[in-house]
């Protein structure tokens, strides 16, 4: 319906070039994009290093940083978006923000708070199939849970792709899946 204000969160690898490239792709489509650095300059070469850092900083502190990053923009109605850990962060914020316009998730989901409730929030998830971090059973449960919140959920699965298949710098990269995911995601944003 017009340009969106997007809050884009990075994965456990940190704020790497692929996240900036994603933001540039969204900006090229006319959207305003904020890309907070929840790891305060730390980036990692392996998911294990990133997970260790995430645990060291702590879930509550990372969520606090995300909320502080979004707060100046949330009154305008944000689309929350992210990659893997960033997608789970985006989900948490979107489900807690009555003014959220949408939720765009790549490669990850999160637990859903028991009392979460939204008014037909548009949600789109892009995930590898299979994905070691997002099993079929988990995704089925997540989908039903999101529907219970009142979200309008679409799930796109990419057979044979690696977990972070949109990141051209990682072994998981799958160009065909990445291009398809971006095409669908940009179409989704255009409907909000």
C-alpha atoms as a PDB file:
ATOM      1  CA  UNK A   1       0.000   0.000   0.000  1.00  0.00           C
ATOM      2  CA  UNK A   2       3.019   2.244   0.299  1.00  0.00           C
ATOM      3  CA  UNK A   3       6.441   2.481   1.892  1.00  0.00           C
ATOM      4  CA  UNK A   4       6.760   0.663   5.198  1.00  0.00           C
ATOM      5  CA  UNK A   5       8.898   1.496   8.207  1.00  0.00           C
ATOM      6  CA  UNK A   6      10.885  -1.687   8.826  1.00  0.00           C
ATOM      7  CA  UNK A   7      12.901  -2.675  11.898  1.00  0.00           C
ATOM      8  CA  UNK A   8      15.322  -5.374  10.662  1.00  0.00           C
ATOM      9  CA  UNK A   9      17.150  -7.542  13.221  1.00  0.00           C
ATOM     10  CA  UNK A  10      20.340  -9.522  12.538  1.00  0.00           C
ATOM     11  CA  UNK A  11      21.065 -13.192  13.253  1.00  0.00           C
ATOM     12  CA  UNK A  12      23.453 -14.642  15.835  1.00  0.00           C
ATOM     13  CA  UNK A  13      26.273 -13.912  13.380  1.00  0.00           C
ATOM     14  CA  UNK A  14      25.800 -10.234  14.251  1.00  0.00           C
ATOM     15  CA  UNK A  15      25.335  -7.207  12.022  1.00  0.00           C
ATOM     16  CA  UNK A  16      27.220  -8.470   8.980  1.00  0.00           C
ATOM     17  CA  UNK A  17      27.267  -7.247   5.350  1.00  0.00           C
ATOM     18  CA  UNK A  18      24.390  -9.571   4.378  1.00  0.00           C
ATOM     19  CA  UNK A  19      22.064  -7.728   6.766  1.00  0.00           C
ATOM     20  CA  UNK A  20      23.048  -4.368   5.285  1.00  0.00           C
ATOM     21  CA  UNK A  21      22.523  -5.839   1.795  1.00  0.00           C
ATOM     22  CA  UNK A  22      19.037  -6.974   2.841  1.00  0.00           C
ATOM     23  CA  UNK A  23      18.280  -3.495   4.191  1.00  0.00           C
ATOM     24  CA  UNK A  24      19.491  -1.977   0.911  1.00  0.00           C
ATOM     25  CA  UNK A  25      17.196  -4.327  -1.020  1.00  0.00           C
ATOM     26  CA  UNK A  26      14.256  -3.191   1.106  1.00  0.00           C
ATOM     27  CA  UNK A  27      15.217   0.470   0.687  1.00  0.00           C
ATOM     28  CA  UNK A  28      15.455  -0.005  -3.093  1.00  0.00           C
ATOM     29  CA  UNK A  29      11.810  -1.144  -2.942  1.00  0.00           C
ATOM     30  CA  UNK A  30      10.953   2.194  -1.300  1.00  0.00           C
ATOM     31  CA  UNK A  31      10.877   1.217   2.363  1.00  0.00           C
ATOM     32  CA  UNK A  32      12.488   2.972   5.320  1.00  0.00           C
ATOM     33  CA  UNK A  33      14.695   0.509   7.181  1.00  0.00           C
ATOM     34  CA  UNK A  34      16.372   0.625  10.585  1.00  0.00           C
ATOM     35  CA  UNK A  35      19.071  -1.969  11.294  1.00  0.00           C
ATOM     36  CA  UNK A  36      19.957  -1.993  15.001  1.00  0.00           C
ATOM     37  CA  UNK A  37      23.118  -3.709  16.196  1.00  0.00           C
ATOM     38  CA  UNK A  38      22.019  -5.754  19.198  1.00  0.00           C
ATOM     39  CA  UNK A  39      25.541  -7.202  19.544  1.00  0.00           C
ATOM     40  CA  UNK A  40      27.161  -3.733  19.740  1.00  0.00           C
ATOM     41  CA  UNK A  41      29.758  -4.327  17.039  1.00  0.00           C
ATOM     42  CA  UNK A  42      30.464  -8.019  17.631  1.00  0.00           C
ATOM     43  CA  UNK A  43      30.218 -10.315  14.601  1.00  0.00           C
ATOM     44  CA  UNK A  44      30.977 -14.021  14.344  1.00  0.00           C
ATOM     45  CA  UNK A  45      32.197 -16.547  11.782  1.00  0.00           C
ATOM     46  CA  UNK A  46      30.279 -19.495  13.217  1.00  0.00           C
ATOM     47  CA  UNK A  47      26.813 -19.951  14.642  1.00  0.00           C
ATOM     48  CA  UNK A  48      28.363 -21.528  17.762  1.00  0.00           C
ATOM     49  CA  UNK A  49      30.388 -18.376  18.519  1.00  0.00           C
ATOM     50  CA  UNK A  50      27.309 -16.227  18.005  1.00  0.00           C
ATOM     51  CA  UNK A  51      25.164 -18.425  20.247  1.00  0.00           C
ATOM     52  CA  UNK A  52      27.811 -18.334  22.975  1.00  0.00           C
ATOM     53  CA  UNK A  53      27.900 -14.532  22.811  1.00  0.00           C
ATOM     54  CA  UNK A  54      24.101 -14.364  22.844  1.00  0.00           C
ATOM     55  CA  UNK A  55      24.027 -16.505  25.989  1.00  0.00           C
ATOM     56  CA  UNK A  56      26.742 -14.374  27.596  1.00  0.00           C
ATOM     57  CA  UNK A  57      24.842 -11.128  27.003  1.00  0.00           C
ATOM     58  CA  UNK A  58      21.545 -12.732  27.986  1.00  0.00           C
ATOM     59  CA  UNK A  59      18.085 -12.891  26.490  1.00  0.00           C
ATOM     60  CA  UNK A  60      16.665 -10.105  28.661  1.00  0.00           C
ATOM     61  CA  UNK A  61      19.442  -7.651  27.789  1.00  0.00           C
ATOM     62  CA  UNK A  62      19.149  -8.387  24.057  1.00  0.00           C
ATOM     63  CA  UNK A  63      15.388  -7.891  24.218  1.00  0.00           C
ATOM     64  CA  UNK A  64      15.905  -4.620  26.110  1.00  0.00           C
ATOM     65  CA  UNK A  65      18.259  -3.420  23.346  1.00  0.00           C
ATOM     66  CA  UNK A  66      15.711  -4.391  20.684  1.00  0.00           C
ATOM     67  CA  UNK A  67      12.883  -2.561  22.448  1.00  0.00           C
ATOM     68  CA  UNK A  68      15.040   0.556  22.844  1.00  0.00           C
ATOM     69  CA  UNK A  69      15.960   0.437  19.146  1.00  0.00           C
ATOM     70  CA  UNK A  70      12.322   0.139  18.063  1.00  0.00           C
ATOM     71  CA  UNK A  71      10.799   2.611  20.535  1.00  0.00           C
ATOM     72  CA  UNK A  72      11.545   5.834  18.595  1.00  0.00           C
ATOM     73  CA  UNK A  73       9.800   4.421  15.509  1.00  0.00           C
ATOM     74  CA  UNK A  74       6.963   2.292  16.888  1.00  0.00           C
ATOM     75  CA  UNK A  75       4.357   5.079  16.957  1.00  0.00           C
ATOM     76  CA  UNK A  76       4.469   5.161  13.146  1.00  0.00           C
ATOM     77  CA  UNK A  77       3.577   1.476  12.889  1.00  0.00           C
ATOM     78  CA  UNK A  78       6.544  -0.774  12.236  1.00  0.00           C
ATOM     79  CA  UNK A  79       6.975  -3.904  10.220  1.00  0.00           C
ATOM     80  CA  UNK A  80       9.256  -6.069  12.345  1.00  0.00           C
ATOM     81  CA  UNK A  81      11.640  -8.281  10.400  1.00  0.00           C
ATOM     82  CA  UNK A  82      14.701 -10.386  11.041  1.00  0.00           C
ATOM     83  CA  UNK A  83      16.949 -13.311  10.286  1.00  0.00           C
ATOM     84  CA  UNK A  84      16.978 -16.415  12.534  1.00  0.00           C
ATOM     85  CA  UNK A  85      17.616 -15.026  16.067  1.00  0.00           C
ATOM     86  CA  UNK A  86      16.577 -11.654  14.634  1.00  0.00           C
ATOM     87  CA  UNK A  87      13.296 -13.159  13.409  1.00  0.00           C
ATOM     88  CA  UNK A  88      12.546 -14.466  16.892  1.00  0.00           C
ATOM     89  CA  UNK A  89      13.310 -11.003  18.290  1.00  0.00           C
ATOM     90  CA  UNK A  90      11.059  -9.412  15.660  1.00  0.00           C
ATOM     91  CA  UNK A  91       8.270 -11.845  16.569  1.00  0.00           C
ATOM     92  CA  UNK A  92       8.479 -10.979  20.257  1.00  0.00           C
ATOM     93  CA  UNK A  93       8.318  -7.249  19.561  1.00  0.00           C
ATOM     94  CA  UNK A  94       5.562  -7.490  16.941  1.00  0.00           C
ATOM     95  CA  UNK A  95       3.320  -9.537  19.216  1.00  0.00           C
ATOM     96  CA  UNK A  96       3.778  -6.913  21.945  1.00  0.00           C
ATOM     97  CA  UNK A  97       3.233  -3.832  19.774  1.00  0.00           C
ATOM     98  CA  UNK A  98      -0.412  -2.945  19.114  1.00  0.00           C
ATOM     99  CA  UNK A  99       0.681  -0.628  16.289  1.00  0.00           C
ATOM    100  CA  UNK A 100       2.745  -3.255  14.433  1.00  0.00           C
ATOM    101  CA  UNK A 101       1.896  -3.324  10.709  1.00  0.00           C
ATOM    102  CA  UNK A 102       3.442  -6.708   9.945  1.00  0.00           C
ATOM    103  CA  UNK A 103       6.022  -9.368  10.782  1.00  0.00           C
ATOM    104  CA  UNK A 104       8.490 -10.665   8.178  1.00  0.00           C
ATOM    105  CA  UNK A 105      10.599 -13.593   9.378  1.00  0.00           C
ATOM    106  CA  UNK A 106      13.509 -15.309   7.676  1.00  0.00           C
ATOM    107  CA  UNK A 107      14.960 -18.543   9.061  1.00  0.00           C
ATOM    108  CA  UNK A 108      13.560 -18.458  12.577  1.00  0.00           C
ATOM    109  CA  UNK A 109      10.668 -18.327  15.012  1.00  0.00           C
ATOM    110  CA  UNK A 110      10.243 -18.019  18.754  1.00  0.00           C
ATOM    111  CA  UNK A 111       8.089 -19.213  21.608  1.00  0.00           C
ATOM    112  CA  UNK A 112       4.746 -17.445  21.778  1.00  0.00           C
ATOM    113  CA  UNK A 113       3.657 -15.832  25.032  1.00  0.00           C
ATOM    114  CA  UNK A 114       0.497 -17.428  26.451  1.00  0.00           C
ATOM    115  CA  UNK A 115      -1.330 -14.097  26.555  1.00  0.00           C
ATOM    116  CA  UNK A 116      -0.182 -12.865  23.113  1.00  0.00           C
ATOM    117  CA  UNK A 117      -3.013 -11.398  21.087  1.00  0.00           C
ATOM    118  CA  UNK A 118      -3.011  -9.412  17.841  1.00  0.00           C
ATOM    119  CA  UNK A 119      -5.675  -8.162  15.470  1.00  0.00           C
ATOM    120  CA  UNK A 120      -5.037 -10.037  12.195  1.00  0.00           C
ATOM    121  CA  UNK A 121      -1.338  -9.100  12.151  1.00  0.00           C
ATOM    122  CA  UNK A 122       0.081 -10.112   8.746  1.00  0.00           C
ATOM    123  CA  UNK A 123       2.945 -12.581   9.303  1.00  0.00           C
ATOM    124  CA  UNK A 124       5.191 -14.202   6.717  1.00  0.00           C
ATOM    125  CA  UNK A 125       7.860 -16.824   7.484  1.00  0.00           C
ATOM    126  CA  UNK A 126      10.548 -18.101   5.094  1.00  0.00           C
ATOM    127  CA  UNK A 127      12.342 -21.215   6.316  1.00  0.00           C
ATOM    128  CA  UNK A 128      14.519 -24.025   4.959  1.00  0.00           C
ATOM    129  CA  UNK A 129      13.005 -27.496   4.651  1.00  0.00           C
ATOM    130  CA  UNK A 130      14.303 -29.306   6.571  1.00  0.00           C
ATOM    131  CA  UNK A 131      15.853 -26.841   9.008  1.00  0.00           C
ATOM    132  CA  UNK A 132      17.766 -28.154  12.044  1.00  0.00           C
ATOM    133  CA  UNK A 133      16.629 -25.180  14.141  1.00  0.00           C
ATOM    134  CA  UNK A 134      13.002 -25.189  12.941  1.00  0.00           C
ATOM    135  CA  UNK A 135      11.726 -28.792  12.854  1.00  0.00           C
ATOM    136  CA  UNK A 136       8.447 -29.720  11.150  1.00  0.00           C
ATOM    137  CA  UNK A 137       6.773 -30.516  14.492  1.00  0.00           C
ATOM    138  CA  UNK A 138       7.917 -27.209  15.958  1.00  0.00           C
ATOM    139  CA  UNK A 139       6.765 -25.238  12.903  1.00  0.00           C
ATOM    140  CA  UNK A 140       3.343 -26.899  12.949  1.00  0.00           C
ATOM    141  CA  UNK A 141       2.968 -26.036  16.638  1.00  0.00           C
ATOM    142  CA  UNK A 142       4.259 -22.494  16.044  1.00  0.00           C
ATOM    143  CA  UNK A 143       1.820 -21.968  13.154  1.00  0.00           C
ATOM    144  CA  UNK A 144      -1.158 -23.033  15.257  1.00  0.00           C
ATOM    145  CA  UNK A 145       0.049 -20.881  18.149  1.00  0.00           C
ATOM    146  CA  UNK A 146       0.388 -17.826  15.915  1.00  0.00           C
ATOM    147  CA  UNK A 147      -3.101 -18.401  14.525  1.00  0.00           C
ATOM    148  CA  UNK A 148      -4.419 -18.535  18.094  1.00  0.00           C
ATOM    149  CA  UNK A 149      -2.958 -15.071  18.720  1.00  0.00           C
ATOM    150  CA  UNK A 150      -5.039 -13.724  15.846  1.00  0.00           C
ATOM    151  CA  UNK A 151      -2.170 -13.426  13.356  1.00  0.00           C
ATOM    152  CA  UNK A 152      -2.695 -13.983   9.635  1.00  0.00           C
ATOM    153  CA  UNK A 153       0.204 -16.375   8.935  1.00  0.00           C
ATOM    154  CA  UNK A 154       1.877 -17.509   5.709  1.00  0.00           C
ATOM    155  CA  UNK A 155       4.747 -20.036   5.798  1.00  0.00           C
ATOM    156  CA  UNK A 156       7.090 -20.613   2.852  1.00  0.00           C
ATOM    157  CA  UNK A 157       9.441 -23.607   2.984  1.00  0.00           C
ATOM    158  CA  UNK A 158      12.492 -24.011   0.761  1.00  0.00           C
ATOM    159  CA  UNK A 159      13.440 -27.671   0.159  1.00  0.00           C
ATOM    160  CA  UNK A 160      17.144 -28.410   0.276  1.00  0.00           C
ATOM    161  CA  UNK A 161      18.208 -24.898   1.316  1.00  0.00           C
ATOM    162  CA  UNK A 162      20.513 -24.319   4.297  1.00  0.00           C
ATOM    163  CA  UNK A 163      19.313 -22.592   7.477  1.00  0.00           C
ATOM    164  CA  UNK A 164      20.478 -19.047   6.572  1.00  0.00           C
ATOM    165  CA  UNK A 165      19.975 -19.508   2.832  1.00  0.00           C
ATOM    166  CA  UNK A 166      19.637 -15.770   2.105  1.00  0.00           C
ATOM    167  CA  UNK A 167      23.181 -14.926   3.309  1.00  0.00           C
ATOM    168  CA  UNK A 168      25.548 -15.028   0.317  1.00  0.00           C
ATOM    169  CA  UNK A 169      28.613 -15.181   2.608  1.00  0.00           C
ATOM    170  CA  UNK A 170      27.615 -18.416   4.348  1.00  0.00           C
ATOM    171  CA  UNK A 171      27.771 -22.071   3.258  1.00  0.00           C
ATOM    172  CA  UNK A 172      23.962 -22.203   3.737  1.00  0.00           C
ATOM    173  CA  UNK A 173      23.443 -19.807   0.809  1.00  0.00           C
ATOM    174  CA  UNK A 174      21.047 -20.967  -1.896  1.00  0.00           C
ATOM    175  CA  UNK A 175      20.676 -18.346  -4.613  1.00  0.00           C
ATOM    176  CA  UNK A 176      17.461 -19.687  -6.168  1.00  0.00           C
ATOM    177  CA  UNK A 177      15.747 -19.999  -2.769  1.00  0.00           C
ATOM    178  CA  UNK A 178      17.028 -16.591  -1.672  1.00  0.00           C
ATOM    179  CA  UNK A 179      15.734 -14.844  -4.784  1.00  0.00           C
ATOM    180  CA  UNK A 180      12.346 -16.531  -4.480  1.00  0.00           C
ATOM    181  CA  UNK A 181      12.107 -15.637  -0.775  1.00  0.00           C
ATOM    182  CA  UNK A 182      12.902 -11.985  -1.511  1.00  0.00           C
ATOM    183  CA  UNK A 183      10.399 -11.843  -4.371  1.00  0.00           C
ATOM    184  CA  UNK A 184       7.641 -13.219  -2.121  1.00  0.00           C
ATOM    185  CA  UNK A 185       8.696 -11.022   0.830  1.00  0.00           C
ATOM    186  CA  UNK A 186       8.682  -7.826  -1.239  1.00  0.00           C
ATOM    187  CA  UNK A 187       5.254  -8.770  -2.544  1.00  0.00           C
ATOM    188  CA  UNK A 188       4.068  -9.268   1.030  1.00  0.00           C
ATOM    189  CA  UNK A 189       5.369  -5.840   2.071  1.00  0.00           C
ATOM    190  CA  UNK A 190       3.603  -4.248  -0.893  1.00  0.00           C
ATOM    191  CA  UNK A 191       0.245  -5.504   0.460  1.00  0.00           C
ATOM    192  CA  UNK A 192       0.613  -3.990   3.936  1.00  0.00           C
END
